[in-house]
Amino acid sequence: MRVKVACQGRKKRRQSAPSASRATGRQKLETTHMTTQAEMIAAVAKDAGVSQADAGRVLAALVDNIHKSLKSGGDVRISNLGVFDTATRAAREGRNPATGATIKIAASKAVRFRVSKPLKDAVNS
């Protein structure tokens, strides 16, 4: 049984090493690692001592329940991770950048994520 999760995997990206001759003084990261869904499932399965199929089903159920909660207007609080919630955006007028014409932008809901303090501290240490 294949389980489809709404998250999309991403490939690893490599950026070049910092250049000493740059006048701006900005430095690029040497490597950036993006964890894919498959890598996350494998890591959870290994850490929890369960099969990858079971870990995949758990991840799919977690994501599905987050979707359901946000769709119904609730929020999702996960200790040491953060809070998923929605923000209502009012209808407004915007401009078409190609023509400059005024357009109406409909009201919408946006998903927000606020990072917990323990996660923020872990990333910054």
PDB file of N, CA and C in Angstrom:
ATOM      1  N   MET A   1       0.846  -1.180   0.000  1.00  0.00           N
ATOM      2  CA  MET A   1       0.000   0.000   0.000  1.00  0.00           C
ATOM      3  C   MET A   1       0.886   1.235   0.000  1.00  0.00           C
ATOM      4  N   ARG A   2       0.677   2.097  -0.962  1.00  0.00           N
ATOM      5  CA  ARG A   2       1.456   3.329  -1.028  1.00  0.00           C
ATOM      6  C   ARG A   2       0.692   4.433  -0.333  1.00  0.00           C
ATOM      7  N   VAL A   3       1.412   5.223   0.404  1.00  0.00           N
ATOM      8  CA  VAL A   3       0.820   6.338   1.133  1.00  0.00           C
ATOM      9  C   VAL A   3       1.335   7.615   0.511  1.00  0.00           C
ATOM     10  N   LYS A   4       0.427   8.477   0.111  1.00  0.00           N
ATOM     11  CA  LYS A   4       0.824   9.747  -0.469  1.00  0.00           C
ATOM     12  C   LYS A   4       0.672  10.834   0.573  1.00  0.00           C
ATOM     13  N   VAL A   5       1.739  11.586   0.818  1.00  0.00           N
ATOM     14  CA  VAL A   5       1.741  12.655   1.807  1.00  0.00           C
ATOM     15  C   VAL A   5       1.869  13.964   1.055  1.00  0.00           C
ATOM     16  N   ALA A   6       1.223  14.995   1.567  1.00  0.00           N
ATOM     17  CA  ALA A   6       1.182  16.287   0.883  1.00  0.00           C
ATOM     18  C   ALA A   6       2.551  16.959   0.790  1.00  0.00           C
ATOM     19  N   CYS A   7       3.501  16.563   1.636  1.00  0.00           N
ATOM     20  CA  CYS A   7       4.828  17.175   1.608  1.00  0.00           C
ATOM     21  C   CYS A   7       5.553  16.729   0.349  1.00  0.00           C
ATOM     22  N   GLN A   8       6.320  17.604  -0.240  1.00  0.00           N
ATOM     23  CA  GLN A   8       7.097  17.235  -1.403  1.00  0.00           C
ATOM     24  C   GLN A   8       8.560  17.173  -1.016  1.00  0.00           C
ATOM     25  N   GLY A   9       9.241  16.127  -1.463  1.00  0.00           N
ATOM     26  CA  GLY A   9      10.660  15.976  -1.171  1.00  0.00           C
ATOM     27  C   GLY A   9      11.480  16.967  -1.970  1.00  0.00           C
ATOM     28  N   ARG A  10      12.618  17.300  -1.473  1.00  0.00           N
ATOM     29  CA  ARG A  10      13.512  18.201  -2.182  1.00  0.00           C
ATOM     30  C   ARG A  10      14.891  17.582  -2.235  1.00  0.00           C
ATOM     31  N   LYS A  11      15.610  17.880  -3.289  1.00  0.00           N
ATOM     32  CA  LYS A  11      16.960  17.355  -3.446  1.00  0.00           C
ATOM     33  C   LYS A  11      17.950  18.207  -2.687  1.00  0.00           C
ATOM     34  N   LYS A  12      19.108  17.606  -2.411  1.00  0.00           N
ATOM     35  CA  LYS A  12      20.169  18.363  -1.754  1.00  0.00           C
ATOM     36  C   LYS A  12      20.678  19.424  -2.717  1.00  0.00           C
ATOM     37  N   ARG A  13      20.987  20.572  -2.183  1.00  0.00           N
ATOM     38  CA  ARG A  13      21.542  21.647  -2.999  1.00  0.00           C
ATOM     39  C   ARG A  13      22.927  21.979  -2.491  1.00  0.00           C
ATOM     40  N   ARG A  14      23.828  22.201  -3.395  1.00  0.00           N
ATOM     41  CA  ARG A  14      25.175  22.611  -3.027  1.00  0.00           C
ATOM     42  C   ARG A  14      25.400  24.027  -3.509  1.00  0.00           C
ATOM     43  N   GLN A  15      25.973  24.804  -2.631  1.00  0.00           N
ATOM     44  CA  GLN A  15      26.349  26.156  -3.012  1.00  0.00           C
ATOM     45  C   GLN A  15      27.859  26.241  -2.948  1.00  0.00           C
ATOM     46  N   SER A  16      28.409  27.156  -3.697  1.00  0.00           N
ATOM     47  CA  SER A  16      29.859  27.276  -3.723  1.00  0.00           C
ATOM     48  C   SER A  16      30.402  27.790  -2.397  1.00  0.00           C
ATOM     49  N   ALA A  17      31.671  27.542  -2.172  1.00  0.00           N
ATOM     50  CA  ALA A  17      32.333  28.001  -0.950  1.00  0.00           C
ATOM     51  C   ALA A  17      32.401  29.523  -0.954  1.00  0.00           C
ATOM     52  N   PRO A  18      32.542  30.145   0.218  1.00  0.00           N
ATOM     53  CA  PRO A  18      32.616  31.603   0.270  1.00  0.00           C
ATOM     54  C   PRO A  18      33.797  32.134  -0.530  1.00  0.00           C
ATOM     55  N   SER A  19      33.574  33.205  -1.226  1.00  0.00           N
ATOM     56  CA  SER A  19      34.606  33.825  -2.028  1.00  0.00           C
ATOM     57  C   SER A  19      35.255  34.961  -1.244  1.00  0.00           C
ATOM     58  N   ALA A  20      36.584  34.959  -1.188  1.00  0.00           N
ATOM     59  CA  ALA A  20      37.302  35.985  -0.431  1.00  0.00           C
ATOM     60  C   ALA A  20      37.322  37.323  -1.168  1.00  0.00           C
ATOM     61  N   SER A  21      37.087  37.299  -2.486  1.00  0.00           N
ATOM     62  CA  SER A  21      37.202  38.529  -3.269  1.00  0.00           C
ATOM     63  C   SER A  21      35.889  39.296  -3.389  1.00  0.00           C
ATOM     64  N   ARG A  22      34.850  38.827  -2.741  1.00  0.00           N
ATOM     65  CA  ARG A  22      33.571  39.521  -2.853  1.00  0.00           C
ATOM     66  C   ARG A  22      33.611  40.834  -2.092  1.00  0.00           C
ATOM     67  N   ALA A  23      33.189  41.888  -2.742  1.00  0.00           N
ATOM     68  CA  ALA A  23      33.218  43.215  -2.137  1.00  0.00           C
ATOM     69  C   ALA A  23      32.105  43.396  -1.113  1.00  0.00           C
ATOM     70  N   THR A  24      31.023  42.621  -1.237  1.00  0.00           N
ATOM     71  CA  THR A  24      29.872  42.820  -0.359  1.00  0.00           C
ATOM     72  C   THR A  24      30.102  42.245   1.026  1.00  0.00           C
ATOM     73  N   GLY A  25      30.997  41.293   1.164  1.00  0.00           N
ATOM     74  CA  GLY A  25      31.275  40.698   2.460  1.00  0.00           C
ATOM     75  C   GLY A  25      30.301  39.590   2.830  1.00  0.00           C
ATOM     76  N   ARG A  26      29.292  39.319   1.979  1.00  0.00           N
ATOM     77  CA  ARG A  26      28.347  38.247   2.262  1.00  0.00           C
ATOM     78  C   ARG A  26      29.000  36.904   1.972  1.00  0.00           C
ATOM     79  N   GLN A  27      28.672  35.904   2.788  1.00  0.00           N
ATOM     80  CA  GLN A  27      29.211  34.572   2.563  1.00  0.00           C
ATOM     81  C   GLN A  27      28.076  33.619   2.266  1.00  0.00           C
ATOM     82  N   LYS A  28      28.343  32.667   1.380  1.00  0.00           N
ATOM     83  CA  LYS A  28      27.356  31.643   1.074  1.00  0.00           C
ATOM     84  C   LYS A  28      27.620  30.435   1.957  1.00  0.00           C
ATOM     85  N   LEU A  29      26.572  29.682   2.234  1.00  0.00           N
ATOM     86  CA  LEU A  29      26.737  28.437   2.968  1.00  0.00           C
ATOM     87  C   LEU A  29      27.435  27.424   2.083  1.00  0.00           C
ATOM     88  N   GLU A  30      28.276  26.602   2.680  1.00  0.00           N
ATOM     89  CA  GLU A  30      28.977  25.598   1.881  1.00  0.00           C
ATOM     90  C   GLU A  30      28.011  24.527   1.392  1.00  0.00           C
ATOM     91  N   THR A  31      27.156  24.016   2.255  1.00  0.00           N
ATOM     92  CA  THR A  31      26.150  23.046   1.838  1.00  0.00           C
ATOM     93  C   THR A  31      24.859  23.305   2.591  1.00  0.00           C
ATOM     94  N   THR A  32      23.784  23.079   1.895  1.00  0.00           N
ATOM     95  CA  THR A  32      22.468  23.168   2.503  1.00  0.00           C
ATOM     96  C   THR A  32      21.814  21.815   2.314  1.00  0.00           C
ATOM     97  N   HIS A  33      21.323  21.228   3.398  1.00  0.00           N
ATOM     98  CA  HIS A  33      20.713  19.913   3.301  1.00  0.00           C
ATOM     99  C   HIS A  33      19.213  20.040   3.511  1.00  0.00           C
ATOM    100  N   MET A  34      18.456  19.635   2.521  1.00  0.00           N
ATOM    101  CA  MET A  34      17.008  19.628   2.609  1.00  0.00           C
ATOM    102  C   MET A  34      16.591  18.182   2.870  1.00  0.00           C
ATOM    103  N   THR A  35      15.880  17.912   3.948  1.00  0.00           N
ATOM    104  CA  THR A  35      15.435  16.571   4.250  1.00  0.00           C
ATOM    105  C   THR A  35      14.212  16.253   3.412  1.00  0.00           C
ATOM    106  N   THR A  36      14.273  15.141   2.706  1.00  0.00           N
ATOM    107  CA  THR A  36      13.136  14.722   1.895  1.00  0.00           C
ATOM    108  C   THR A  36      12.170  13.907   2.741  1.00  0.00           C
ATOM    109  N   GLN A  37      10.999  13.680   2.205  1.00  0.00           N
ATOM    110  CA  GLN A  37       9.995  12.886   2.904  1.00  0.00           C
ATOM    111  C   GLN A  37      10.520  11.470   3.146  1.00  0.00           C
ATOM    112  N   ALA A  38      11.170  10.889   2.158  1.00  0.00           N
ATOM    113  CA  ALA A  38      11.707   9.536   2.302  1.00  0.00           C
ATOM    114  C   ALA A  38      12.784   9.480   3.382  1.00  0.00           C
ATOM    115  N   GLU A  39      13.647  10.501   3.430  1.00  0.00           N
ATOM    116  CA  GLU A  39      14.688  10.548   4.466  1.00  0.00           C
ATOM    117  C   GLU A  39      14.064  10.704   5.847  1.00  0.00           C
ATOM    118  N   MET A  40      13.001  11.500   5.950  1.00  0.00           N
ATOM    119  CA  MET A  40      12.326  11.692   7.225  1.00  0.00           C
ATOM    120  C   MET A  40      11.687  10.387   7.686  1.00  0.00           C
ATOM    121  N   ILE A  41      11.032   9.683   6.777  1.00  0.00           N
ATOM    122  CA  ILE A  41      10.401   8.410   7.123  1.00  0.00           C
ATOM    123  C   ILE A  41      11.441   7.404   7.576  1.00  0.00           C
ATOM    124  N   ALA A  42      12.565   7.338   6.872  1.00  0.00           N
ATOM    125  CA  ALA A  42      13.627   6.397   7.245  1.00  0.00           C
ATOM    126  C   ALA A  42      14.197   6.730   8.620  1.00  0.00           C
ATOM    127  N   ALA A  43      14.395   8.008   8.908  1.00  0.00           N
ATOM    128  CA  ALA A  43      14.951   8.412  10.201  1.00  0.00           C
ATOM    129  C   ALA A  43      13.969   8.116  11.334  1.00  0.00           C
ATOM    130  N   VAL A  44      12.683   8.385  11.121  1.00  0.00           N
ATOM    131  CA  VAL A  44      11.676   8.106  12.143  1.00  0.00           C
ATOM    132  C   VAL A  44      11.585   6.608  12.383  1.00  0.00           C
ATOM    133  N   ALA A  45      11.598   5.824  11.321  1.00  0.00           N
ATOM    134  CA  ALA A  45      11.522   4.368  11.453  1.00  0.00           C
ATOM    135  C   ALA A  45      12.705   3.833  12.249  1.00  0.00           C
ATOM    136  N   LYS A  46      13.883   4.346  11.955  1.00  0.00           N
ATOM    137  CA  LYS A  46      15.092   3.889  12.663  1.00  0.00           C
ATOM    138  C   LYS A  46      15.035   4.285  14.139  1.00  0.00           C
ATOM    139  N   ASP A  47      14.703   5.552  14.423  1.00  0.00           N
ATOM    140  CA  ASP A  47      14.684   6.035  15.804  1.00  0.00           C
ATOM    141  C   ASP A  47      13.592   5.382  16.644  1.00  0.00           C
ATOM    142  N   ALA A  48      12.439   5.086  16.026  1.00  0.00           N
ATOM    143  CA  ALA A  48      11.320   4.510  16.768  1.00  0.00           C
ATOM    144  C   ALA A  48      11.342   2.980  16.767  1.00  0.00           C
ATOM    145  N   GLY A  49      12.214   2.395  15.946  1.00  0.00           N
ATOM    146  CA  GLY A  49      12.293   0.938  15.888  1.00  0.00           C
ATOM    147  C   GLY A  49      11.088   0.307  15.224  1.00  0.00           C
ATOM    148  N   VAL A  50      10.523   0.983  14.216  1.00  0.00           N
ATOM    149  CA  VAL A  50       9.381   0.442  13.478  1.00  0.00           C
ATOM    150  C   VAL A  50       9.749   0.356  12.001  1.00  0.00           C
ATOM    151  N   SER A  51       8.882  -0.271  11.218  1.00  0.00           N
ATOM    152  CA  SER A  51       9.152  -0.389   9.782  1.00  0.00           C
ATOM    153  C   SER A  51       8.950   0.960   9.104  1.00  0.00           C
ATOM    154  N   GLN A  52       9.559   1.103   7.923  1.00  0.00           N
ATOM    155  CA  GLN A  52       9.387   2.349   7.176  1.00  0.00           C
ATOM    156  C   GLN A  52       7.942   2.503   6.716  1.00  0.00           C
ATOM    157  N   ALA A  53       7.259   1.404   6.445  1.00  0.00           N
ATOM    158  CA  ALA A  53       5.853   1.474   6.044  1.00  0.00           C
ATOM    159  C   ALA A  53       5.012   2.049   7.184  1.00  0.00           C
ATOM    160  N   ASP A  54       5.270   1.573   8.414  1.00  0.00           N
ATOM    161  CA  ASP A  54       4.535   2.093   9.573  1.00  0.00           C
ATOM    162  C   ASP A  54       4.844   3.569   9.799  1.00  0.00           C
ATOM    163  N   ALA A  55       6.108   3.924   9.680  1.00  0.00           N
ATOM    164  CA  ALA A  55       6.505   5.323   9.865  1.00  0.00           C
ATOM    165  C   ALA A  55       5.868   6.206   8.793  1.00  0.00           C
ATOM    166  N   GLY A  56       5.770   5.697   7.569  1.00  0.00           N
ATOM    167  CA  GLY A  56       5.122   6.446   6.487  1.00  0.00           C
ATOM    168  C   GLY A  56       3.652   6.663   6.755  1.00  0.00           C
ATOM    169  N   ARG A  57       2.980   5.636   7.277  1.00  0.00           N
ATOM    170  CA  ARG A  57       1.560   5.775   7.610  1.00  0.00           C
ATOM    171  C   ARG A  57       1.358   6.779   8.746  1.00  0.00           C
ATOM    172  N   VAL A  58       2.253   6.764   9.723  1.00  0.00           N
ATOM    173  CA  VAL A  58       2.154   7.716  10.834  1.00  0.00           C
ATOM    174  C   VAL A  58       2.357   9.141  10.327  1.00  0.00           C
ATOM    175  N   LEU A  59       3.353   9.348   9.485  1.00  0.00           N
ATOM    176  CA  LEU A  59       3.600  10.680   8.934  1.00  0.00           C
ATOM    177  C   LEU A  59       2.407  11.146   8.105  1.00  0.00           C
ATOM    178  N   ALA A  60       1.848  10.248   7.292  1.00  0.00           N
ATOM    179  CA  ALA A  60       0.680  10.596   6.477  1.00  0.00           C
ATOM    180  C   ALA A  60      -0.508  10.966   7.359  1.00  0.00           C
ATOM    181  N   ALA A  61      -0.717  10.208   8.443  1.00  0.00           N
ATOM    182  CA  ALA A  61      -1.823  10.498   9.357  1.00  0.00           C
ATOM    183  C   ALA A  61      -1.608  11.835  10.057  1.00  0.00           C
ATOM    184  N   LEU A  62      -0.358  12.122  10.441  1.00  0.00           N
ATOM    185  CA  LEU A  62      -0.041  13.389  11.096  1.00  0.00           C
ATOM    186  C   LEU A  62      -0.355  14.561  10.173  1.00  0.00           C
ATOM    187  N   VAL A  63       0.130  14.495   8.949  1.00  0.00           N
ATOM    188  CA  VAL A  63      -0.097  15.573   7.985  1.00  0.00           C
ATOM    189  C   VAL A  63      -1.584  15.716   7.690  1.00  0.00           C
ATOM    190  N   ASP A  64      -2.296  14.592   7.530  1.00  0.00           N
ATOM    191  CA  ASP A  64      -3.730  14.628   7.255  1.00  0.00           C
ATOM    192  C   ASP A  64      -4.488  15.300   8.399  1.00  0.00           C
ATOM    193  N   ASN A  65      -4.130  14.988   9.627  1.00  0.00           N
ATOM    194  CA  ASN A  65      -4.812  15.589  10.775  1.00  0.00           C
ATOM    195  C   ASN A  65      -4.485  17.072  10.930  1.00  0.00           C
ATOM    196  N   ILE A  66      -3.278  17.471  10.580  1.00  0.00           N
ATOM    197  CA  ILE A  66      -2.938  18.901  10.577  1.00  0.00           C
ATOM    198  C   ILE A  66      -3.805  19.615   9.551  1.00  0.00           C
ATOM    199  N   HIS A  67      -3.956  19.031   8.357  1.00  0.00           N
ATOM    200  CA  HIS A  67      -4.799  19.619   7.311  1.00  0.00           C
ATOM    201  C   HIS A  67      -6.235  19.771   7.800  1.00  0.00           C
ATOM    202  N   LYS A  68      -6.774  18.709   8.401  1.00  0.00           N
ATOM    203  CA  LYS A  68      -8.165  18.742   8.878  1.00  0.00           C
ATOM    204  C   LYS A  68      -8.366  19.832   9.929  1.00  0.00           C
ATOM    205  N   SER A  69      -7.438  19.924  10.867  1.00  0.00           N
ATOM    206  CA  SER A  69      -7.561  20.919  11.927  1.00  0.00           C
ATOM    207  C   SER A  69      -7.504  22.337  11.376  1.00  0.00           C
ATOM    208  N   LEU A  70      -6.558  22.591  10.471  1.00  0.00           N
ATOM    209  CA  LEU A  70      -6.441  23.931   9.901  1.00  0.00           C
ATOM    210  C   LEU A  70      -7.632  24.262   9.027  1.00  0.00           C
ATOM    211  N   LYS A  71      -8.144  23.288   8.288  1.00  0.00           N
ATOM    212  CA  LYS A  71      -9.290  23.522   7.417  1.00  0.00           C
ATOM    213  C   LYS A  71     -10.533  23.866   8.231  1.00  0.00           C
ATOM    214  N   SER A  72     -10.670  23.264   9.421  1.00  0.00           N
ATOM    215  CA  SER A  72     -11.836  23.547  10.266  1.00  0.00           C
ATOM    216  C   SER A  72     -11.671  24.818  11.093  1.00  0.00           C
ATOM    217  N   GLY A  73     -10.532  25.500  10.964  1.00  0.00           N
ATOM    218  CA  GLY A  73     -10.331  26.760  11.664  1.00  0.00           C
ATOM    219  C   GLY A  73      -9.559  26.636  12.962  1.00  0.00           C
ATOM    220  N   GLY A  74      -9.120  25.441  13.309  1.00  0.00           N
ATOM    221  CA  GLY A  74      -8.366  25.247  14.538  1.00  0.00           C
ATOM    222  C   GLY A  74      -6.881  25.502  14.336  1.00  0.00           C
ATOM    223  N   ASP A  75      -6.139  25.297  15.383  1.00  0.00           N
ATOM    224  CA  ASP A  75      -4.689  25.393  15.271  1.00  0.00           C
ATOM    225  C   ASP A  75      -4.084  24.095  15.795  1.00  0.00           C
ATOM    226  N   VAL A  76      -2.818  23.867  15.475  1.00  0.00           N
ATOM    227  CA  VAL A  76      -2.121  22.655  15.887  1.00  0.00           C
ATOM    228  C   VAL A  76      -0.882  23.070  16.659  1.00  0.00           C
ATOM    229  N   ARG A  77      -0.807  22.660  17.913  1.00  0.00           N
ATOM    230  CA  ARG A  77       0.334  22.983  18.767  1.00  0.00           C
ATOM    231  C   ARG A  77       1.133  21.709  19.012  1.00  0.00           C
ATOM    232  N   ILE A  78       2.389  21.709  18.620  1.00  0.00           N
ATOM    233  CA  ILE A  78       3.258  20.558  18.821  1.00  0.00           C
ATOM    234  C   ILE A  78       4.421  21.023  19.696  1.00  0.00           C
ATOM    235  N   SER A  79       4.537  20.420  20.872  1.00  0.00           N
ATOM    236  CA  SER A  79       5.579  20.804  21.825  1.00  0.00           C
ATOM    237  C   SER A  79       6.955  20.705  21.180  1.00  0.00           C
ATOM    238  N   ASN A  80       7.804  21.654  21.482  1.00  0.00           N
ATOM    239  CA  ASN A  80       9.181  21.727  20.999  1.00  0.00           C
ATOM    240  C   ASN A  80       9.292  21.872  19.485  1.00  0.00           C
ATOM    241  N   LEU A  81       8.177  22.131  18.804  1.00  0.00           N
ATOM    242  CA  LEU A  81       8.212  22.365  17.365  1.00  0.00           C
ATOM    243  C   LEU A  81       7.608  23.727  17.053  1.00  0.00           C
ATOM    244  N   GLY A  82       6.325  23.897  17.341  1.00  0.00           N
ATOM    245  CA  GLY A  82       5.697  25.182  17.088  1.00  0.00           C
ATOM    246  C   GLY A  82       4.200  25.059  16.945  1.00  0.00           C
ATOM    247  N   VAL A  83       3.600  26.107  16.371  1.00  0.00           N
ATOM    248  CA  VAL A  83       2.156  26.190  16.227  1.00  0.00           C
ATOM    249  C   VAL A  83       1.820  26.466  14.767  1.00  0.00           C
ATOM    250  N   PHE A  84       0.946  25.632  14.198  1.00  0.00           N
ATOM    251  CA  PHE A  84       0.374  25.874  12.886  1.00  0.00           C
ATOM    252  C   PHE A  84      -0.982  26.529  13.122  1.00  0.00           C
ATOM    253  N   ASP A  85      -1.267  27.627  12.438  1.00  0.00           N
ATOM    254  CA  ASP A  85      -2.586  28.236  12.513  1.00  0.00           C
ATOM    255  C   ASP A  85      -2.880  28.958  11.205  1.00  0.00           C
ATOM    256  N   THR A  86      -4.070  29.538  11.114  1.00  0.00           N
ATOM    257  CA  THR A  86      -4.446  30.240   9.900  1.00  0.00           C
ATOM    258  C   THR A  86      -4.640  31.718  10.194  1.00  0.00           C
ATOM    259  N   ALA A  87      -4.402  32.523   9.196  1.00  0.00           N
ATOM    260  CA  ALA A  87      -4.626  33.963   9.281  1.00  0.00           C
ATOM    261  C   ALA A  87      -5.562  34.348   8.142  1.00  0.00           C
ATOM    262  N   THR A  88      -6.542  35.175   8.436  1.00  0.00           N
ATOM    263  CA  THR A  88      -7.489  35.621   7.422  1.00  0.00           C
ATOM    264  C   THR A  88      -6.957  36.886   6.768  1.00  0.00           C
ATOM    265  N   ARG A  89      -6.924  36.858   5.453  1.00  0.00           N
ATOM    266  CA  ARG A  89      -6.501  38.036   4.695  1.00  0.00           C
ATOM    267  C   ARG A  89      -7.734  38.663   4.050  1.00  0.00           C
ATOM    268  N   ALA A  90      -7.916  39.929   4.275  1.00  0.00           N
ATOM    269  CA  ALA A  90      -9.082  40.642   3.741  1.00  0.00           C
ATOM    270  C   ALA A  90      -8.940  40.832   2.228  1.00  0.00           C
ATOM    271  N   ALA A  91     -10.074  41.030   1.572  1.00  0.00           N
ATOM    272  CA  ALA A  91     -10.052  41.353   0.149  1.00  0.00           C
ATOM    273  C   ALA A  91      -9.384  42.720  -0.014  1.00  0.00           C
ATOM    274  N   ARG A  92      -8.684  42.884  -1.112  1.00  0.00           N
ATOM    275  CA  ARG A  92      -7.988  44.147  -1.331  1.00  0.00           C
ATOM    276  C   ARG A  92      -7.790  44.385  -2.822  1.00  0.00           C
ATOM    277  N   GLU A  93      -7.325  45.566  -3.143  1.00  0.00           N
ATOM    278  CA  GLU A  93      -7.026  45.888  -4.527  1.00  0.00           C
ATOM    279  C   GLU A  93      -5.530  45.773  -4.751  1.00  0.00           C
ATOM    280  N   GLY A  94      -5.165  45.276  -5.912  1.00  0.00           N
ATOM    281  CA  GLY A  94      -3.765  45.156  -6.274  1.00  0.00           C
ATOM    282  C   GLY A  94      -3.554  45.689  -7.677  1.00  0.00           C
ATOM    283  N   ARG A  95      -2.359  45.572  -8.167  1.00  0.00           N
ATOM    284  CA  ARG A  95      -2.050  46.046  -9.523  1.00  0.00           C
ATOM    285  C   ARG A  95      -1.418  44.921 -10.326  1.00  0.00           C
ATOM    286  N   ASN A  96      -1.813  44.840 -11.577  1.00  0.00           N
ATOM    287  CA  ASN A  96      -1.183  43.931 -12.515  1.00  0.00           C
ATOM    288  C   ASN A  96       0.144  44.573 -12.909  1.00  0.00           C
ATOM    289  N   PRO A  97       1.278  43.940 -12.584  1.00  0.00           N
ATOM    290  CA  PRO A  97       2.567  44.589 -12.871  1.00  0.00           C
ATOM    291  C   PRO A  97       2.841  44.771 -14.358  1.00  0.00           C
ATOM    292  N   ALA A  98       2.238  43.950 -15.197  1.00  0.00           N
ATOM    293  CA  ALA A  98       2.491  44.064 -16.634  1.00  0.00           C
ATOM    294  C   ALA A  98       1.740  45.239 -17.250  1.00  0.00           C
ATOM    295  N   THR A  99       0.492  45.443 -16.812  1.00  0.00           N
ATOM    296  CA  THR A  99      -0.329  46.487 -17.431  1.00  0.00           C
ATOM    297  C   THR A  99      -0.562  47.692 -16.535  1.00  0.00           C
ATOM    298  N   GLY A 100      -0.381  47.513 -15.232  1.00  0.00           N
ATOM    299  CA  GLY A 100      -0.644  48.590 -14.295  1.00  0.00           C
ATOM    300  C   GLY A 100      -2.113  48.717 -13.936  1.00  0.00           C
ATOM    301  N   ALA A 101      -2.952  47.833 -14.479  1.00  0.00           N
ATOM    302  CA  ALA A 101      -4.390  47.885 -14.214  1.00  0.00           C
ATOM    303  C   ALA A 101      -4.672  47.447 -12.782  1.00  0.00           C
ATOM    304  N   THR A 102      -5.698  48.058 -12.185  1.00  0.00           N
ATOM    305  CA  THR A 102      -6.118  47.700 -10.837  1.00  0.00           C
ATOM    306  C   THR A 102      -6.931  46.412 -10.910  1.00  0.00           C
ATOM    307  N   ILE A 103      -6.641  45.470 -10.004  1.00  0.00           N
ATOM    308  CA  ILE A 103      -7.384  44.212  -9.949  1.00  0.00           C
ATOM    309  C   ILE A 103      -7.876  43.995  -8.529  1.00  0.00           C
ATOM    310  N   LYS A 104      -8.924  43.195  -8.394  1.00  0.00           N
ATOM    311  CA  LYS A 104      -9.448  42.859  -7.075  1.00  0.00           C
ATOM    312  C   LYS A 104      -8.855  41.526  -6.642  1.00  0.00           C
ATOM    313  N   ILE A 105      -8.305  41.492  -5.450  1.00  0.00           N
ATOM    314  CA  ILE A 105      -7.745  40.266  -4.884  1.00  0.00           C
ATOM    315  C   ILE A 105      -8.731  39.780  -3.832  1.00  0.00           C
ATOM    316  N   ALA A 106      -9.204  38.553  -3.995  1.00  0.00           N
ATOM    317  CA  ALA A 106     -10.224  38.007  -3.100  1.00  0.00           C
ATOM    318  C   ALA A 106      -9.659  37.757  -1.707  1.00  0.00           C
ATOM    319  N   ALA A 107     -10.545  37.737  -0.726  1.00  0.00           N
ATOM    320  CA  ALA A 107     -10.161  37.385   0.645  1.00  0.00           C
ATOM    321  C   ALA A 107      -9.695  35.933   0.653  1.00  0.00           C
ATOM    322  N   SER A 108      -8.773  35.611   1.536  1.00  0.00           N
ATOM    323  CA  SER A 108      -8.253  34.245   1.599  1.00  0.00           C
ATOM    324  C   SER A 108      -7.738  33.944   2.995  1.00  0.00           C
ATOM    325  N   LYS A 109      -7.428  32.687   3.207  1.00  0.00           N
ATOM    326  CA  LYS A 109      -6.799  32.259   4.450  1.00  0.00           C
ATOM    327  C   LYS A 109      -5.387  31.821   4.119  1.00  0.00           C
ATOM    328  N   ALA A 110      -4.451  32.132   4.999  1.00  0.00           N
ATOM    329  CA  ALA A 110      -3.064  31.721   4.827  1.00  0.00           C
ATOM    330  C   ALA A 110      -2.655  30.872   6.037  1.00  0.00           C
ATOM    331  N   VAL A 111      -1.838  29.870   5.793  1.00  0.00           N
ATOM    332  CA  VAL A 111      -1.333  29.034   6.880  1.00  0.00           C
ATOM    333  C   VAL A 111      -0.077  29.686   7.430  1.00  0.00           C
ATOM    334  N   ARG A 112      -0.008  29.780   8.760  1.00  0.00           N
ATOM    335  CA  ARG A 112       1.172  30.337   9.428  1.00  0.00           C
ATOM    336  C   ARG A 112       1.802  29.262  10.291  1.00  0.00           C
ATOM    337  N   PHE A 113       3.092  29.412  10.527  1.00  0.00           N
ATOM    338  CA  PHE A 113       3.797  28.537  11.463  1.00  0.00           C
ATOM    339  C   PHE A 113       4.656  29.409  12.355  1.00  0.00           C
ATOM    340  N   ARG A 114       4.448  29.281  13.668  1.00  0.00           N
ATOM    341  CA  ARG A 114       5.264  30.016  14.636  1.00  0.00           C
ATOM    342  C   ARG A 114       6.156  29.014  15.338  1.00  0.00           C
ATOM    343  N   VAL A 115       7.440  29.256  15.312  1.00  0.00           N
ATOM    344  CA  VAL A 115       8.435  28.347  15.871  1.00  0.00           C
ATOM    345  C   VAL A 115       8.436  28.440  17.390  1.00  0.00           C
ATOM    346  N   SER A 116       8.589  27.287  18.057  1.00  0.00           N
ATOM    347  CA  SER A 116       8.660  27.274  19.520  1.00  0.00           C
ATOM    348  C   SER A 116      10.034  27.746  19.976  1.00  0.00           C
ATOM    349  N   LYS A 117      10.112  28.202  21.204  1.00  0.00           N
ATOM    350  CA  LYS A 117      11.378  28.677  21.748  1.00  0.00           C
ATOM    351  C   LYS A 117      12.433  27.580  21.815  1.00  0.00           C
ATOM    352  N   PRO A 118      12.105  26.340  22.258  1.00  0.00           N
ATOM    353  CA  PRO A 118      13.146  25.302  22.277  1.00  0.00           C
ATOM    354  C   PRO A 118      13.725  25.013  20.904  1.00  0.00           C
ATOM    355  N   LEU A 119      12.897  25.016  19.845  1.00  0.00           N
ATOM    356  CA  LEU A 119      13.409  24.779  18.499  1.00  0.00           C
ATOM    357  C   LEU A 119      14.279  25.949  18.050  1.00  0.00           C
ATOM    358  N   LYS A 120      13.821  27.157  18.317  1.00  0.00           N
ATOM    359  CA  LYS A 120      14.588  28.345  17.939  1.00  0.00           C
ATOM    360  C   LYS A 120      15.948  28.336  18.637  1.00  0.00           C
ATOM    361  N   ASP A 121      15.964  27.996  19.927  1.00  0.00           N
ATOM    362  CA  ASP A 121      17.220  27.928  20.659  1.00  0.00           C
ATOM    363  C   ASP A 121      18.141  26.841  20.126  1.00  0.00           C
ATOM    364  N   ALA A 122      17.554  25.689  19.762  1.00  0.00           N
ATOM    365  CA  ALA A 122      18.363  24.578  19.226  1.00  0.00           C
ATOM    366  C   ALA A 122      19.009  24.952  17.898  1.00  0.00           C
ATOM    367  N   VAL A 123      18.270  25.659  17.046  1.00  0.00           N
ATOM    368  CA  VAL A 123      18.793  26.056  15.740  1.00  0.00           C
ATOM    369  C   VAL A 123      19.878  27.109  15.897  1.00  0.00           C
ATOM    370  N   ASN A 124      19.713  27.997  16.865  1.00  0.00           N
ATOM    371  CA  ASN A 124      20.666  29.094  17.051  1.00  0.00           C
ATOM    372  C   ASN A 124      21.868  28.738  17.921  1.00  0.00           C
ATOM    373  N   SER A 125      21.919  27.527  18.444  1.00  0.00           N
ATOM    374  CA  SER A 125      23.069  27.182  19.285  1.00  0.00           C
ATOM    375  C   SER A 125      24.111  26.405  18.552  1.00  0.00           C
TER     376      SER A 125
END
